[in-house]
PDB file of all heavy atoms in Angstrom:
ATOM      1  N   GLN A   1      31.301  35.628 -39.827  1.00  0.00           N
ATOM      2  CA  GLN A   1      31.588  36.707 -40.740  1.00  0.00           C
ATOM      3  C   GLN A   1      30.624  37.899 -40.584  1.00  0.00           C
ATOM      4  O   GLN A   1      30.803  38.956 -41.227  1.00  0.00           O
ATOM      5  CB  GLN A   1      31.728  36.287 -42.159  1.00  0.00           C
ATOM      6  CG  GLN A   1      32.842  35.298 -42.357  1.00  0.00           C
ATOM      7  CD  GLN A   1      32.960  34.792 -43.827  1.00  0.00           C
ATOM      8  OE1 GLN A   1      33.241  35.582 -44.765  1.00  0.00           O
ATOM      9  NE2 GLN A   1      32.739  33.494 -44.018  1.00  0.00           N
ATOM     10  N   LEU A   2      29.549  37.700 -39.796  1.00  0.00           N
ATOM     11  CA  LEU A   2      28.606  38.750 -39.655  1.00  0.00           C
ATOM     12  C   LEU A   2      29.006  39.627 -38.456  1.00  0.00           C
ATOM     13  O   LEU A   2      28.381  40.740 -38.203  1.00  0.00           O
ATOM     14  CB  LEU A   2      27.147  38.275 -39.402  1.00  0.00           C
ATOM     15  CG  LEU A   2      26.585  37.440 -40.602  1.00  0.00           C
ATOM     16  CD1 LEU A   2      25.195  36.912 -40.293  1.00  0.00           C
ATOM     17  CD2 LEU A   2      26.471  38.416 -41.812  1.00  0.00           C
ATOM     18  N   ILE A   3      29.933  39.181 -37.633  1.00  0.00           N
ATOM     19  CA  ILE A   3      30.372  39.971 -36.509  1.00  0.00           C
ATOM     20  C   ILE A   3      31.030  41.239 -37.013  1.00  0.00           C
ATOM     21  O   ILE A   3      31.837  41.229 -37.897  1.00  0.00           O
ATOM     22  CB  ILE A   3      31.421  39.171 -35.637  1.00  0.00           C
ATOM     23  CG1 ILE A   3      30.672  38.000 -34.979  1.00  0.00           C
ATOM     24  CG2 ILE A   3      32.056  40.069 -34.588  1.00  0.00           C
ATOM     25  CD1 ILE A   3      31.687  37.110 -34.206  1.00  0.00           C
ATOM     26  N   GLY A   4      30.507  42.400 -36.462  1.00  0.00           N
ATOM     27  CA  GLY A   4      31.024  43.723 -36.878  1.00  0.00           C
ATOM     28  C   GLY A   4      30.221  44.475 -37.888  1.00  0.00           C
ATOM     29  O   GLY A   4      30.476  45.630 -38.122  1.00  0.00           O
ATOM     30  N   VAL A   5      29.305  43.800 -38.530  1.00  0.00           N
ATOM     31  CA  VAL A   5      28.494  44.428 -39.550  1.00  0.00           C
ATOM     32  C   VAL A   5      27.465  45.347 -38.862  1.00  0.00           C
ATOM     33  O   VAL A   5      27.093  45.165 -37.738  1.00  0.00           O
ATOM     34  CB  VAL A   5      27.741  43.463 -40.476  1.00  0.00           C
ATOM     35  CG1 VAL A   5      28.695  42.573 -41.140  1.00  0.00           C
ATOM     36  CG2 VAL A   5      26.684  42.652 -39.711  1.00  0.00           C
ATOM     37  N   LYS A   6      27.047  46.410 -39.616  1.00  0.00           N
ATOM     38  CA  LYS A   6      26.026  47.303 -39.088  1.00  0.00           C
ATOM     39  C   LYS A   6      24.928  47.510 -40.158  1.00  0.00           C
ATOM     40  O   LYS A   6      25.061  47.048 -41.291  1.00  0.00           O
ATOM     41  CB  LYS A   6      26.633  48.563 -38.621  1.00  0.00           C
ATOM     42  CG  LYS A   6      27.393  49.350 -39.687  1.00  0.00           C
ATOM     43  CD  LYS A   6      28.041  50.604 -39.100  1.00  0.00           C
ATOM     44  CE  LYS A   6      28.788  51.405 -40.124  1.00  0.00           C
ATOM     45  NZ  LYS A   6      29.841  50.697 -40.829  1.00  0.00           N
ATOM     46  N   ALA A   7      23.842  48.201 -39.826  1.00  0.00           N
ATOM     47  CA  ALA A   7      22.759  48.447 -40.814  1.00  0.00           C
ATOM     48  C   ALA A   7      23.274  49.070 -42.032  1.00  0.00           C
ATOM     49  O   ALA A   7      24.137  49.891 -42.100  1.00  0.00           O
ATOM     50  CB  ALA A   7      21.713  49.340 -40.201  1.00  0.00           C
ATOM     51  N   ASN A   8      22.744  48.535 -43.216  1.00  0.00           N
ATOM     52  CA  ASN A   8      23.032  49.019 -44.558  1.00  0.00           C
ATOM     53  C   ASN A   8      24.426  48.593 -45.063  1.00  0.00           C
ATOM     54  O   ASN A   8      24.781  48.975 -46.221  1.00  0.00           O
ATOM     55  CB  ASN A   8      22.898  50.534 -44.652  1.00  0.00           C
ATOM     56  CG  ASN A   8      21.507  51.036 -44.257  1.00  0.00           C
ATOM     57  OD1 ASN A   8      20.558  50.344 -44.658  1.00  0.00           O
ATOM     58  ND2 ASN A   8      21.409  52.097 -43.529  1.00  0.00           N
ATOM     59  N   ASP A   9      25.170  47.758 -44.322  1.00  0.00           N
ATOM     60  CA  ASP A   9      26.453  47.249 -44.806  1.00  0.00           C
ATOM     61  C   ASP A   9      26.218  46.279 -45.930  1.00  0.00           C
ATOM     62  O   ASP A   9      25.251  45.603 -45.943  1.00  0.00           O
ATOM     63  CB  ASP A   9      27.249  46.588 -43.733  1.00  0.00           C
ATOM     64  CG  ASP A   9      28.022  47.572 -42.893  1.00  0.00           C
ATOM     65  OD1 ASP A   9      27.971  48.791 -43.154  1.00  0.00           O
ATOM     66  OD2 ASP A   9      28.632  47.162 -41.858  1.00  0.00           O
ATOM     67  N   GLU A  10      27.192  46.288 -46.885  1.00  0.00           N
ATOM     68  CA  GLU A  10      27.218  45.291 -47.917  1.00  0.00           C
ATOM     69  C   GLU A  10      28.449  44.473 -47.774  1.00  0.00           C
ATOM     70  O   GLU A  10      29.495  45.102 -47.542  1.00  0.00           O
ATOM     71  CB  GLU A  10      27.089  45.886 -49.295  1.00  0.00           C
ATOM     72  CG  GLU A  10      25.746  46.571 -49.556  1.00  0.00           C
ATOM     73  CD  GLU A  10      25.630  47.150 -50.942  1.00  0.00           C
ATOM     74  OE1 GLU A  10      26.481  46.797 -51.759  1.00  0.00           O
ATOM     75  OE2 GLU A  10      24.679  47.990 -51.226  1.00  0.00           O
ATOM     76  N   LYS A  11      28.395  43.163 -47.896  1.00  0.00           N
ATOM     77  CA  LYS A  11      29.607  42.336 -47.628  1.00  0.00           C
ATOM     78  C   LYS A  11      29.515  41.032 -48.454  1.00  0.00           C
ATOM     79  O   LYS A  11      28.384  40.540 -48.776  1.00  0.00           O
ATOM     80  CB  LYS A  11      29.691  42.013 -46.143  1.00  0.00           C
ATOM     81  CG  LYS A  11      30.999  41.397 -45.766  1.00  0.00           C
ATOM     82  CD  LYS A  11      31.108  41.298 -44.202  1.00  0.00           C
ATOM     83  CE  LYS A  11      32.440  40.692 -43.801  1.00  0.00           C
ATOM     84  NZ  LYS A  11      32.590  40.609 -42.368  1.00  0.00           N
ATOM     85  N   VAL A  12      30.671  40.531 -48.764  1.00  0.00           N
ATOM     86  CA  VAL A  12      30.688  39.270 -49.431  1.00  0.00           C
ATOM     87  C   VAL A  12      31.277  38.222 -48.390  1.00  0.00           C
ATOM     88  O   VAL A  12      32.411  38.415 -47.937  1.00  0.00           O
ATOM     89  CB  VAL A  12      31.606  39.248 -50.653  1.00  0.00           C
ATOM     90  CG1 VAL A  12      31.755  37.893 -51.312  1.00  0.00           C
ATOM     91  CG2 VAL A  12      31.053  40.286 -51.728  1.00  0.00           C
ATOM     92  N   LEU A  13      30.535  37.127 -48.185  1.00  0.00           N
ATOM     93  CA  LEU A  13      31.036  36.152 -47.274  1.00  0.00           C
ATOM     94  C   LEU A  13      31.576  34.950 -48.033  1.00  0.00           C
ATOM     95  O   LEU A  13      30.948  34.548 -49.008  1.00  0.00           O
ATOM     96  CB  LEU A  13      29.860  35.623 -46.348  1.00  0.00           C
ATOM     97  CG  LEU A  13      28.989  36.723 -45.659  1.00  0.00           C
ATOM     98  CD1 LEU A  13      27.996  35.999 -44.751  1.00  0.00           C
ATOM     99  CD2 LEU A  13      29.879  37.696 -44.896  1.00  0.00           C
ATOM    100  N   ASN A  14      32.694  34.454 -47.555  1.00  0.00           N
ATOM    101  CA  ASN A  14      33.338  33.269 -48.226  1.00  0.00           C
ATOM    102  C   ASN A  14      33.105  32.072 -47.286  1.00  0.00           C
ATOM    103  O   ASN A  14      33.532  32.115 -46.150  1.00  0.00           O
ATOM    104  CB  ASN A  14      34.778  33.522 -48.425  1.00  0.00           C
ATOM    105  CG  ASN A  14      35.012  34.623 -49.487  1.00  0.00           C
ATOM    106  OD1 ASN A  14      34.807  34.488 -50.625  1.00  0.00           O
ATOM    107  ND2 ASN A  14      35.423  35.806 -48.958  1.00  0.00           N
ATOM    108  N   VAL A  15      32.483  31.016 -47.841  1.00  0.00           N
ATOM    109  CA  VAL A  15      32.171  29.822 -47.015  1.00  0.00           C
ATOM    110  C   VAL A  15      32.493  28.579 -47.911  1.00  0.00           C
ATOM    111  O   VAL A  15      32.669  28.654 -49.071  1.00  0.00           O
ATOM    112  CB  VAL A  15      30.736  29.781 -46.532  1.00  0.00           C
ATOM    113  CG1 VAL A  15      30.393  30.943 -45.704  1.00  0.00           C
ATOM    114  CG2 VAL A  15      29.818  29.767 -47.778  1.00  0.00           C
ATOM    115  N   THR A  16      32.595  27.461 -47.177  1.00  0.00           N
ATOM    116  CA  THR A  16      32.685  26.168 -47.823  1.00  0.00           C
ATOM    117  C   THR A  16      31.586  25.263 -47.296  1.00  0.00           C
ATOM    118  O   THR A  16      31.469  25.059 -46.064  1.00  0.00           O
ATOM    119  CB  THR A  16      34.035  25.502 -47.542  1.00  0.00           C
ATOM    120  OG1 THR A  16      35.061  26.314 -48.026  1.00  0.00           O
ATOM    121  CG2 THR A  16      34.142  24.111 -48.180  1.00  0.00           C
ATOM    122  N   PHE A  17      30.782  24.712 -48.191  1.00  0.00           N
ATOM    123  CA  PHE A  17      29.715  23.843 -47.770  1.00  0.00           C
ATOM    124  C   PHE A  17      30.349  22.489 -47.284  1.00  0.00           C
ATOM    125  O   PHE A  17      31.331  22.008 -47.770  1.00  0.00           O
ATOM    126  CB  PHE A  17      28.772  23.513 -48.955  1.00  0.00           C
ATOM    127  CG  PHE A  17      27.826  24.572 -49.273  1.00  0.00           C
ATOM    128  CD1 PHE A  17      28.125  25.520 -50.279  1.00  0.00           C
ATOM    129  CD2 PHE A  17      26.618  24.701 -48.554  1.00  0.00           C
ATOM    130  CE1 PHE A  17      27.203  26.550 -50.518  1.00  0.00           C
ATOM    131  CE2 PHE A  17      25.663  25.674 -48.858  1.00  0.00           C
ATOM    132  CZ  PHE A  17      25.977  26.642 -49.831  1.00  0.00           C
ATOM    133  N   PRO A  18      29.756  21.965 -46.155  1.00  0.00           N
ATOM    134  CA  PRO A  18      30.294  20.721 -45.597  1.00  0.00           C
ATOM    135  C   PRO A  18      30.252  19.564 -46.654  1.00  0.00           C
ATOM    136  O   PRO A  18      29.381  19.556 -47.527  1.00  0.00           O
ATOM    137  CB  PRO A  18      29.342  20.402 -44.440  1.00  0.00           C
ATOM    138  CG  PRO A  18      28.818  21.713 -44.086  1.00  0.00           C
ATOM    139  CD  PRO A  18      28.631  22.485 -45.389  1.00  0.00           C
ATOM    140  N   ALA A  19      31.161  18.614 -46.548  1.00  0.00           N
ATOM    141  CA  ALA A  19      31.201  17.538 -47.479  1.00  0.00           C
ATOM    142  C   ALA A  19      29.911  16.645 -47.425  1.00  0.00           C
ATOM    143  O   ALA A  19      29.569  16.022 -48.461  1.00  0.00           O
ATOM    144  CB  ALA A  19      32.434  16.651 -47.159  1.00  0.00           C
ATOM    145  N   ASP A  20      29.334  16.653 -46.293  1.00  0.00           N
ATOM    146  CA  ASP A  20      28.056  15.823 -46.154  1.00  0.00           C
ATOM    147  C   ASP A  20      26.855  16.683 -46.335  1.00  0.00           C
ATOM    148  O   ASP A  20      25.790  16.329 -45.751  1.00  0.00           O
ATOM    149  CB  ASP A  20      28.023  15.055 -44.816  1.00  0.00           C
ATOM    150  CG  ASP A  20      28.089  15.989 -43.620  1.00  0.00           C
ATOM    151  OD1 ASP A  20      28.300  17.245 -43.883  1.00  0.00           O
ATOM    152  OD2 ASP A  20      27.915  15.530 -42.474  1.00  0.00           O
ATOM    153  N   TYR A  21      26.875  17.841 -46.927  1.00  0.00           N
ATOM    154  CA  TYR A  21      25.793  18.750 -47.072  1.00  0.00           C
ATOM    155  C   TYR A  21      24.638  18.036 -47.850  1.00  0.00           C
ATOM    156  O   TYR A  21      24.929  17.212 -48.715  1.00  0.00           O
ATOM    157  CB  TYR A  21      26.154  20.011 -47.865  1.00  0.00           C
ATOM    158  CG  TYR A  21      25.137  21.117 -47.790  1.00  0.00           C
ATOM    159  CD1 TYR A  21      24.802  21.649 -46.605  1.00  0.00           C
ATOM    160  CD2 TYR A  21      24.494  21.533 -48.952  1.00  0.00           C
ATOM    161  CE1 TYR A  21      23.863  22.658 -46.556  1.00  0.00           C
ATOM    162  CE2 TYR A  21      23.548  22.599 -48.909  1.00  0.00           C
ATOM    163  CZ  TYR A  21      23.235  23.117 -47.738  1.00  0.00           C
ATOM    164  OH  TYR A  21      22.310  24.174 -47.666  1.00  0.00           O
ATOM    165  N   ASN A  22      23.403  18.263 -47.519  1.00  0.00           N
ATOM    166  CA  ASN A  22      22.304  17.517 -48.097  1.00  0.00           C
ATOM    167  C   ASN A  22      22.016  17.788 -49.570  1.00  0.00           C
ATOM    168  O   ASN A  22      21.268  17.073 -50.137  1.00  0.00           O
ATOM    169  CB  ASN A  22      21.054  17.708 -47.244  1.00  0.00           C
ATOM    170  CG  ASN A  22      20.663  19.145 -47.153  1.00  0.00           C
ATOM    171  OD1 ASN A  22      21.336  20.098 -47.675  1.00  0.00           O
ATOM    172  ND2 ASN A  22      19.503  19.467 -46.517  1.00  0.00           N
ATOM    173  N   ALA A  23      22.567  18.878 -50.136  1.00  0.00           N
ATOM    174  CA  ALA A  23      22.432  19.116 -51.548  1.00  0.00           C
ATOM    175  C   ALA A  23      23.667  18.679 -52.220  1.00  0.00           C
ATOM    176  O   ALA A  23      24.742  19.341 -52.026  1.00  0.00           O
ATOM    177  CB  ALA A  23      22.090  20.580 -51.788  1.00  0.00           C
ATOM    178  N   GLU A  24      23.646  17.597 -52.963  1.00  0.00           N
ATOM    179  CA  GLU A  24      24.873  17.092 -53.569  1.00  0.00           C
ATOM    180  C   GLU A  24      25.652  18.069 -54.473  1.00  0.00           C
ATOM    181  O   GLU A  24      26.829  18.038 -54.573  1.00  0.00           O
ATOM    182  CB  GLU A  24      24.522  15.825 -54.399  1.00  0.00           C
ATOM    183  CG  GLU A  24      24.033  14.664 -53.542  1.00  0.00           C
ATOM    184  CD  GLU A  24      23.781  13.392 -54.371  1.00  0.00           C
ATOM    185  OE1 GLU A  24      24.195  13.433 -55.606  1.00  0.00           O
ATOM    186  OE2 GLU A  24      23.246  12.430 -53.820  1.00  0.00           O
ATOM    187  N   ASN A  25      24.812  18.946 -55.159  1.00  0.00           N
ATOM    188  CA  ASN A  25      25.493  19.928 -56.057  1.00  0.00           C
ATOM    189  C   ASN A  25      26.301  20.946 -55.382  1.00  0.00           C
ATOM    190  O   ASN A  25      27.092  21.701 -55.861  1.00  0.00           O
ATOM    191  CB  ASN A  25      24.457  20.556 -56.932  1.00  0.00           C
ATOM    192  CG  ASN A  25      23.466  21.374 -56.166  1.00  0.00           C
ATOM    193  OD1 ASN A  25      22.929  20.940 -55.111  1.00  0.00           O
ATOM    194  ND2 ASN A  25      23.134  22.591 -56.636  1.00  0.00           N
ATOM    195  N   LEU A  26      26.059  21.076 -54.016  1.00  0.00           N
ATOM    196  CA  LEU A  26      26.791  22.049 -53.209  1.00  0.00           C
ATOM    197  C   LEU A  26      27.811  21.433 -52.217  1.00  0.00           C
ATOM    198  O   LEU A  26      28.714  22.091 -51.733  1.00  0.00           O
ATOM    199  CB  LEU A  26      25.794  22.897 -52.392  1.00  0.00           C
ATOM    200  CG  LEU A  26      24.813  23.750 -53.245  1.00  0.00           C
ATOM    201  CD1 LEU A  26      23.823  24.446 -52.288  1.00  0.00           C
ATOM    202  CD2 LEU A  26      25.586  24.798 -54.078  1.00  0.00           C
ATOM    203  N   ALA A  27      27.652  20.090 -51.913  1.00  0.00           N
ATOM    204  CA  ALA A  27      28.484  19.518 -50.853  1.00  0.00           C
ATOM    205  C   ALA A  27      29.958  19.674 -51.233  1.00  0.00           C
ATOM    206  O   ALA A  27      30.464  19.411 -52.311  1.00  0.00           O
ATOM    207  CB  ALA A  27      28.159  18.036 -50.861  1.00  0.00           C
ATOM    208  N   GLY A  28      30.695  20.199 -50.220  1.00  0.00           N
ATOM    209  CA  GLY A  28      32.105  20.337 -50.416  1.00  0.00           C
ATOM    210  C   GLY A  28      32.620  21.552 -51.247  1.00  0.00           C
ATOM    211  O   GLY A  28      33.801  21.733 -51.415  1.00  0.00           O
ATOM    212  N   LYS A  29      31.596  22.312 -51.801  1.00  0.00           N
ATOM    213  CA  LYS A  29      31.945  23.391 -52.726  1.00  0.00           C
ATOM    214  C   LYS A  29      32.306  24.745 -51.939  1.00  0.00           C
ATOM    215  O   LYS A  29      31.661  24.974 -50.924  1.00  0.00           O
ATOM    216  CB  LYS A  29      30.835  23.671 -53.634  1.00  0.00           C
ATOM    217  CG  LYS A  29      30.468  22.504 -54.573  1.00  0.00           C
ATOM    218  CD  LYS A  29      31.537  22.366 -55.684  1.00  0.00           C
ATOM    219  CE  LYS A  29      31.116  21.323 -56.692  1.00  0.00           C
ATOM    220  NZ  LYS A  29      29.915  21.625 -57.446  1.00  0.00           N
TER     221      LYS A  29
END
């Protein structure tokens, strides 16, 4: 989602943490 950004751009990225993420409070979220 960083492809195409340029200096001083502001953007909101939408992601999903992997189910096996090492922080339980974020895993799968």
